[in-house]
Amino acid sequence: MTEPHKIWVEQCEAAEGIEDDFGTQKALDYLVGEKFLNFLEAAETDADFRAEIPAFVAKIKTIFERWQLAQYLETARETEPFNPELFEPRDHPILGKEEIEFDAEEIEDMRKEDIRQCTRDLLLVERARQWLLE
């Protein structure tokens, strides 16, 4: 496995290229919204990742302005609420009534998993906010 230091250094370099080629928003999506949040998640159970967080944060702060980070973190990993109506059969004028592949219990399990994932994302974003803005 690659050392955590090498991972975030490569990711920061990639983010700088993304910013040059595709803009700041795409670079923030990549580095903060994906890589840094995943790094924080890994750091929960891995001391080597945890030890690298301050250096990773310092590098992120050289790439982006504080206001850019603050603005990005306002909506990072926000998703639409779970919509159980997506699992209701619909009538199609030519094909007839749709068949639903999931029963009520499976849909409820998906709803609960969606809540768990949203909660994990919210906590990760809050942790990122603390590291990057405080």
N, C-alpha and C. Protein backbone atom coordinates (compact mmCIF):
# COMPACT_ATOMS: atom_id res chain seq x y z
N MET A 1 0.84 -1.19 0.00
CA MET A 1 0.00 0.00 0.00
C MET A 1 0.88 1.25 0.00
N THR A 2 0.45 2.25 -0.72
CA THR A 2 1.18 3.50 -0.82
C THR A 2 1.10 4.27 0.49
N GLU A 3 2.18 4.94 0.83
CA GLU A 3 2.21 5.73 2.06
C GLU A 3 1.24 6.90 1.95
N PRO A 4 0.56 7.23 3.06
CA PRO A 4 -0.40 8.34 3.03
C PRO A 4 0.21 9.65 2.52
N HIS A 5 1.47 9.92 2.86
CA HIS A 5 2.11 11.15 2.40
C HIS A 5 2.16 11.22 0.88
N LYS A 6 2.55 10.13 0.26
CA LYS A 6 2.63 10.10 -1.20
C LYS A 6 1.24 10.26 -1.83
N ILE A 7 0.25 9.69 -1.18
CA ILE A 7 -1.12 9.77 -1.71
C ILE A 7 -1.57 11.21 -1.80
N TRP A 8 -1.51 11.94 -0.68
CA TRP A 8 -2.05 13.31 -0.71
C TRP A 8 -1.19 14.25 -1.54
N VAL A 9 0.11 14.02 -1.61
CA VAL A 9 0.96 14.86 -2.45
C VAL A 9 0.55 14.71 -3.92
N GLU A 10 0.37 13.47 -4.36
CA GLU A 10 -0.06 13.22 -5.74
C GLU A 10 -1.44 13.81 -6.00
N GLN A 11 -2.33 13.70 -5.04
CA GLN A 11 -3.68 14.23 -5.20
C GLN A 11 -3.66 15.76 -5.30
N CYS A 12 -2.81 16.40 -4.52
CA CYS A 12 -2.70 17.86 -4.59
C CYS A 12 -2.14 18.30 -5.94
N GLU A 13 -1.14 17.58 -6.41
CA GLU A 13 -0.59 17.90 -7.73
C GLU A 13 -1.65 17.72 -8.82
N ALA A 14 -2.42 16.64 -8.71
CA ALA A 14 -3.49 16.41 -9.68
C ALA A 14 -4.53 17.53 -9.61
N ALA A 15 -4.86 17.98 -8.41
CA ALA A 15 -5.85 19.05 -8.24
C ALA A 15 -5.38 20.35 -8.89
N GLU A 16 -4.09 20.63 -8.80
CA GLU A 16 -3.56 21.84 -9.44
C GLU A 16 -3.71 21.75 -10.96
N GLY A 17 -3.48 20.57 -11.50
CA GLY A 17 -3.69 20.37 -12.94
C GLY A 17 -5.15 20.48 -13.32
N ILE A 18 -6.01 19.92 -12.49
CA ILE A 18 -7.46 20.01 -12.74
C ILE A 18 -7.90 21.47 -12.72
N GLU A 19 -7.39 22.23 -11.76
CA GLU A 19 -7.76 23.64 -11.68
C GLU A 19 -7.32 24.39 -12.94
N ASP A 20 -6.11 24.12 -13.39
CA ASP A 20 -5.61 24.76 -14.61
C ASP A 20 -6.46 24.41 -15.83
N ASP A 21 -6.84 23.14 -15.93
CA ASP A 21 -7.54 22.65 -17.11
C ASP A 21 -9.06 22.83 -17.07
N PHE A 22 -9.64 22.70 -15.87
CA PHE A 22 -11.11 22.65 -15.78
C PHE A 22 -11.71 23.64 -14.80
N GLY A 23 -10.89 24.36 -14.05
CA GLY A 23 -11.42 25.37 -13.15
C GLY A 23 -11.39 24.97 -11.69
N THR A 24 -11.60 25.98 -10.87
CA THR A 24 -11.52 25.82 -9.42
C THR A 24 -12.58 24.87 -8.87
N GLN A 25 -13.81 24.98 -9.37
CA GLN A 25 -14.89 24.14 -8.85
C GLN A 25 -14.57 22.66 -9.02
N LYS A 26 -14.09 22.28 -10.19
CA LYS A 26 -13.75 20.87 -10.44
C LYS A 26 -12.59 20.43 -9.55
N ALA A 27 -11.64 21.32 -9.34
CA ALA A 27 -10.50 21.00 -8.48
C ALA A 27 -10.95 20.82 -7.04
N LEU A 28 -11.86 21.67 -6.58
CA LEU A 28 -12.41 21.53 -5.22
C LEU A 28 -13.20 20.24 -5.09
N ASP A 29 -14.01 19.94 -6.08
CA ASP A 29 -14.77 18.68 -6.07
C ASP A 29 -13.83 17.50 -5.90
N TYR A 30 -12.77 17.51 -6.69
CA TYR A 30 -11.81 16.40 -6.67
C TYR A 30 -11.05 16.35 -5.34
N LEU A 31 -10.38 17.44 -4.98
CA LEU A 31 -9.46 17.39 -3.85
C LEU A 31 -10.17 17.42 -2.51
N VAL A 32 -11.10 18.32 -2.33
CA VAL A 32 -11.76 18.45 -1.03
C VAL A 32 -12.96 17.52 -0.94
N GLY A 33 -13.84 17.58 -1.94
CA GLY A 33 -15.07 16.81 -1.88
C GLY A 33 -14.89 15.32 -2.00
N GLU A 34 -13.82 14.91 -2.60
CA GLU A 34 -13.58 13.47 -2.76
C GLU A 34 -12.36 13.03 -1.96
N LYS A 35 -11.19 13.48 -2.35
CA LYS A 35 -9.95 12.94 -1.78
C LYS A 35 -9.74 13.29 -0.31
N PHE A 36 -9.94 14.56 0.07
CA PHE A 36 -9.72 14.94 1.46
C PHE A 36 -10.76 14.28 2.38
N LEU A 37 -12.01 14.27 1.96
CA LEU A 37 -13.02 13.63 2.80
C LEU A 37 -12.75 12.13 2.95
N ASN A 38 -12.33 11.48 1.88
CA ASN A 38 -11.97 10.06 1.97
C ASN A 38 -10.76 9.86 2.88
N PHE A 39 -9.81 10.80 2.81
CA PHE A 39 -8.62 10.74 3.66
C PHE A 39 -9.03 10.85 5.13
N LEU A 40 -9.94 11.78 5.43
CA LEU A 40 -10.42 11.92 6.81
C LEU A 40 -11.11 10.65 7.29
N GLU A 41 -11.86 10.03 6.39
CA GLU A 41 -12.54 8.79 6.74
C GLU A 41 -11.53 7.69 7.04
N ALA A 42 -10.50 7.59 6.23
CA ALA A 42 -9.45 6.59 6.46
C ALA A 42 -8.71 6.87 7.76
N ALA A 43 -8.55 8.15 8.09
CA ALA A 43 -7.83 8.55 9.30
C ALA A 43 -8.56 8.14 10.58
N GLU A 44 -9.85 7.87 10.47
CA GLU A 44 -10.61 7.44 11.64
C GLU A 44 -10.06 6.13 12.20
N THR A 45 -9.52 5.29 11.34
CA THR A 45 -9.05 3.96 11.78
C THR A 45 -7.57 3.72 11.50
N ASP A 46 -6.88 4.68 10.90
CA ASP A 46 -5.48 4.47 10.53
C ASP A 46 -4.63 5.64 11.04
N ALA A 47 -3.75 5.35 11.98
CA ALA A 47 -2.91 6.38 12.59
C ALA A 47 -1.97 7.05 11.59
N ASP A 48 -1.52 6.31 10.57
CA ASP A 48 -0.63 6.90 9.57
C ASP A 48 -1.36 8.00 8.78
N PHE A 49 -2.60 7.76 8.44
CA PHE A 49 -3.40 8.78 7.76
C PHE A 49 -3.65 9.96 8.70
N ARG A 50 -4.01 9.65 9.94
CA ARG A 50 -4.29 10.69 10.92
C ARG A 50 -3.09 11.62 11.09
N ALA A 51 -1.90 11.07 11.11
CA ALA A 51 -0.69 11.87 11.30
C ALA A 51 -0.42 12.81 10.13
N GLU A 52 -0.92 12.48 8.95
CA GLU A 52 -0.68 13.28 7.75
C GLU A 52 -1.70 14.41 7.54
N ILE A 53 -2.78 14.41 8.31
CA ILE A 53 -3.83 15.41 8.10
C ILE A 53 -3.29 16.85 8.16
N PRO A 54 -2.51 17.23 9.18
CA PRO A 54 -2.05 18.63 9.23
C PRO A 54 -1.26 19.06 7.98
N ALA A 55 -0.41 18.19 7.48
CA ALA A 55 0.38 18.54 6.29
C ALA A 55 -0.52 18.62 5.05
N PHE A 56 -1.46 17.71 4.95
CA PHE A 56 -2.41 17.71 3.83
C PHE A 56 -3.22 19.01 3.86
N VAL A 57 -3.70 19.38 5.02
CA VAL A 57 -4.47 20.61 5.19
C VAL A 57 -3.64 21.82 4.78
N ALA A 58 -2.39 21.86 5.23
CA ALA A 58 -1.52 22.99 4.90
C ALA A 58 -1.35 23.12 3.39
N LYS A 59 -1.19 22.02 2.71
CA LYS A 59 -1.04 22.06 1.25
C LYS A 59 -2.33 22.50 0.56
N ILE A 60 -3.47 21.99 1.03
CA ILE A 60 -4.76 22.41 0.46
C ILE A 60 -4.91 23.92 0.57
N LYS A 61 -4.48 24.47 1.70
CA LYS A 61 -4.61 25.91 1.93
C LYS A 61 -3.68 26.73 1.04
N THR A 62 -2.66 26.10 0.46
CA THR A 62 -1.82 26.82 -0.50
C THR A 62 -2.43 26.80 -1.90
N ILE A 63 -3.32 25.86 -2.14
CA ILE A 63 -3.94 25.72 -3.46
C ILE A 63 -5.19 26.59 -3.58
N PHE A 64 -5.98 26.63 -2.50
CA PHE A 64 -7.26 27.35 -2.52
C PHE A 64 -7.26 28.46 -1.47
N GLU A 65 -8.00 29.49 -1.78
CA GLU A 65 -8.20 30.58 -0.81
C GLU A 65 -9.20 30.10 0.25
N ARG A 66 -9.11 30.71 1.42
CA ARG A 66 -10.01 30.34 2.52
C ARG A 66 -11.47 30.51 2.10
N TRP A 67 -11.77 31.61 1.41
CA TRP A 67 -13.16 31.86 1.02
C TRP A 67 -13.67 30.81 0.04
N GLN A 68 -12.77 30.30 -0.81
CA GLN A 68 -13.16 29.25 -1.74
C GLN A 68 -13.51 27.96 -0.98
N LEU A 69 -12.68 27.64 0.00
CA LEU A 69 -12.93 26.46 0.81
C LEU A 69 -14.24 26.61 1.59
N ALA A 70 -14.44 27.77 2.19
CA ALA A 70 -15.65 28.02 2.97
C ALA A 70 -16.89 27.90 2.09
N GLN A 71 -16.83 28.51 0.94
CA GLN A 71 -17.97 28.47 0.01
C GLN A 71 -18.23 27.03 -0.44
N TYR A 72 -17.19 26.31 -0.78
CA TYR A 72 -17.35 24.93 -1.23
C TYR A 72 -17.96 24.05 -0.15
N LEU A 73 -17.48 24.19 1.08
CA LEU A 73 -17.94 23.33 2.17
C LEU A 73 -19.39 23.59 2.57
N GLU A 74 -19.94 24.70 2.13
CA GLU A 74 -21.35 24.98 2.42
C GLU A 74 -22.28 23.95 1.77
N THR A 75 -21.88 23.40 0.65
CA THR A 75 -22.75 22.46 -0.07
C THR A 75 -22.07 21.13 -0.38
N ALA A 76 -20.89 20.89 0.14
CA ALA A 76 -20.16 19.65 -0.16
C ALA A 76 -20.98 18.43 0.24
N ARG A 77 -21.07 17.51 -0.67
CA ARG A 77 -21.74 16.22 -0.51
C ARG A 77 -23.22 16.33 -0.17
N GLU A 78 -23.82 17.45 -0.46
CA GLU A 78 -25.27 17.54 -0.29
C GLU A 78 -25.95 16.71 -1.36
N THR A 79 -27.00 16.04 -0.97
CA THR A 79 -27.76 15.22 -1.91
C THR A 79 -29.24 15.53 -1.76
N GLU A 80 -30.00 15.08 -2.72
CA GLU A 80 -31.45 15.21 -2.64
C GLU A 80 -31.98 14.22 -1.60
N PRO A 81 -33.07 14.56 -0.94
CA PRO A 81 -33.65 13.61 0.02
C PRO A 81 -34.10 12.33 -0.67
N PHE A 82 -34.07 11.26 0.08
CA PHE A 82 -34.54 9.97 -0.44
C PHE A 82 -35.98 10.12 -0.89
N ASN A 83 -36.29 9.63 -2.07
CA ASN A 83 -37.63 9.78 -2.63
C ASN A 83 -38.24 8.39 -2.86
N PRO A 84 -39.10 7.93 -1.95
CA PRO A 84 -39.70 6.60 -2.14
C PRO A 84 -40.62 6.53 -3.35
N GLU A 85 -41.06 7.69 -3.86
CA GLU A 85 -41.92 7.69 -5.05
C GLU A 85 -41.20 7.12 -6.27
N LEU A 86 -39.87 7.12 -6.24
CA LEU A 86 -39.11 6.55 -7.36
C LEU A 86 -39.38 5.05 -7.51
N PHE A 87 -39.90 4.45 -6.43
CA PHE A 87 -40.13 3.01 -6.44
C PHE A 87 -41.59 2.64 -6.64
N GLU A 88 -42.42 3.64 -6.93
CA GLU A 88 -43.83 3.37 -7.21
C GLU A 88 -43.99 3.07 -8.70
N PRO A 89 -44.81 2.07 -9.02
CA PRO A 89 -45.00 1.74 -10.44
C PRO A 89 -45.70 2.88 -11.18
N ARG A 90 -45.28 3.08 -12.40
CA ARG A 90 -45.89 4.11 -13.24
C ARG A 90 -46.52 3.44 -14.46
N ASP A 91 -47.50 4.10 -14.99
CA ASP A 91 -48.13 3.61 -16.22
C ASP A 91 -47.46 4.27 -17.42
N HIS A 92 -47.09 3.45 -18.37
CA HIS A 92 -46.50 3.94 -19.61
C HIS A 92 -47.56 3.74 -20.69
N PRO A 93 -47.79 4.74 -21.54
CA PRO A 93 -48.87 4.63 -22.53
C PRO A 93 -48.72 3.44 -23.48
N ILE A 94 -47.52 3.04 -23.78
CA ILE A 94 -47.32 1.93 -24.73
C ILE A 94 -46.95 0.64 -24.02
N LEU A 95 -46.06 0.73 -23.03
CA LEU A 95 -45.54 -0.46 -22.36
C LEU A 95 -46.42 -0.97 -21.23
N GLY A 96 -47.36 -0.16 -20.78
CA GLY A 96 -48.23 -0.59 -19.69
C GLY A 96 -47.64 -0.24 -18.34
N LYS A 97 -48.11 -0.94 -17.31
CA LYS A 97 -47.68 -0.65 -15.94
C LYS A 97 -46.29 -1.23 -15.68
N GLU A 98 -45.46 -0.40 -15.08
CA GLU A 98 -44.10 -0.79 -14.72
C GLU A 98 -44.11 -1.84 -13.62
N GLU A 99 -43.15 -2.73 -13.65
CA GLU A 99 -42.97 -3.66 -12.54
C GLU A 99 -41.91 -3.10 -11.61
N ILE A 100 -42.12 -3.25 -10.33
CA ILE A 100 -41.17 -2.76 -9.34
C ILE A 100 -40.34 -3.94 -8.85
N GLU A 101 -39.03 -3.75 -8.83
CA GLU A 101 -38.13 -4.84 -8.47
C GLU A 101 -37.94 -4.99 -6.97
N PHE A 102 -38.38 -4.02 -6.19
CA PHE A 102 -38.12 -4.02 -4.75
C PHE A 102 -39.42 -4.10 -3.96
N ASP A 103 -39.37 -4.84 -2.85
CA ASP A 103 -40.53 -4.85 -1.98
C ASP A 103 -40.39 -3.73 -0.94
N ALA A 104 -41.42 -3.54 -0.14
CA ALA A 104 -41.45 -2.43 0.83
C ALA A 104 -40.29 -2.51 1.81
N GLU A 105 -39.93 -3.70 2.24
CA GLU A 105 -38.83 -3.86 3.19
C GLU A 105 -37.49 -3.44 2.57
N GLU A 106 -37.27 -3.81 1.32
CA GLU A 106 -36.04 -3.42 0.63
C GLU A 106 -35.97 -1.91 0.45
N ILE A 107 -37.08 -1.31 0.13
CA ILE A 107 -37.12 0.15 -0.03
C ILE A 107 -36.82 0.83 1.30
N GLU A 108 -37.38 0.32 2.37
CA GLU A 108 -37.11 0.88 3.70
C GLU A 108 -35.63 0.72 4.07
N ASP A 109 -35.04 -0.41 3.73
CA ASP A 109 -33.61 -0.61 3.99
C ASP A 109 -32.77 0.40 3.20
N MET A 110 -33.16 0.66 1.95
CA MET A 110 -32.45 1.66 1.14
C MET A 110 -32.60 3.05 1.75
N ARG A 111 -33.79 3.37 2.25
CA ARG A 111 -34.01 4.67 2.88
C ARG A 111 -33.12 4.82 4.11
N LYS A 112 -33.05 3.77 4.93
CA LYS A 112 -32.21 3.81 6.13
C LYS A 112 -30.73 3.94 5.76
N GLU A 113 -30.30 3.23 4.74
CA GLU A 113 -28.90 3.33 4.31
C GLU A 113 -28.61 4.73 3.78
N ASP A 114 -29.56 5.32 3.08
CA ASP A 114 -29.41 6.69 2.60
C ASP A 114 -29.22 7.65 3.77
N ILE A 115 -30.00 7.47 4.81
CA ILE A 115 -29.87 8.32 6.02
C ILE A 115 -28.50 8.13 6.65
N ARG A 116 -28.06 6.89 6.76
CA ARG A 116 -26.74 6.63 7.34
C ARG A 116 -25.63 7.29 6.52
N GLN A 117 -25.72 7.16 5.18
CA GLN A 117 -24.70 7.76 4.32
C GLN A 117 -24.72 9.28 4.42
N CYS A 118 -25.88 9.87 4.44
CA CYS A 118 -25.98 11.33 4.58
C CYS A 118 -25.39 11.79 5.92
N THR A 119 -25.63 11.02 6.96
CA THR A 119 -25.09 11.35 8.28
C THR A 119 -23.57 11.27 8.27
N ARG A 120 -23.03 10.20 7.67
CA ARG A 120 -21.57 10.07 7.57
C ARG A 120 -20.98 11.24 6.78
N ASP A 121 -21.62 11.58 5.67
CA ASP A 121 -21.14 12.69 4.84
C ASP A 121 -21.19 14.01 5.61
N LEU A 122 -22.27 14.24 6.32
CA LEU A 122 -22.40 15.47 7.11
C LEU A 122 -21.29 15.58 8.15
N LEU A 123 -21.01 14.49 8.83
CA LEU A 123 -19.94 14.49 9.84
C LEU A 123 -18.57 14.70 9.21
N LEU A 124 -18.32 14.07 8.07
CA LEU A 124 -17.05 14.26 7.38
C LEU A 124 -16.87 15.70 6.92
N VAL A 125 -17.91 16.29 6.37
CA VAL A 125 -17.82 17.67 5.91
C VAL A 125 -17.59 18.60 7.10
N GLU A 126 -18.24 18.33 8.21
CA GLU A 126 -18.02 19.16 9.41
C GLU A 126 -16.57 19.03 9.90
N ARG A 127 -16.04 17.83 9.87
CA ARG A 127 -14.64 17.61 10.25
C ARG A 127 -13.71 18.35 9.28
N ALA A 128 -14.02 18.29 7.99
CA ALA A 128 -13.22 19.02 7.00
C ALA A 128 -13.29 20.51 7.26
N ARG A 129 -14.46 21.01 7.58
CA ARG A 129 -14.64 22.43 7.89
C ARG A 129 -13.76 22.83 9.06
N GLN A 130 -13.73 22.01 10.09
CA GLN A 130 -12.89 22.31 11.25
C GLN A 130 -11.42 22.36 10.88
N TRP A 131 -10.97 21.42 10.09
CA TRP A 131 -9.57 21.39 9.69
C TRP A 131 -9.21 22.55 8.74
N LEU A 132 -10.05 22.80 7.78
CA LEU A 132 -9.70 23.74 6.72
C LEU A 132 -10.02 25.20 7.03
N LEU A 133 -10.95 25.43 7.96
CA LEU A 133 -11.39 26.80 8.20
C LEU A 133 -11.09 27.32 9.61
N GLU A 134 -10.77 26.45 10.54
CA GLU A 134 -10.53 26.93 11.90
C GLU A 134 -9.08 26.86 12.27
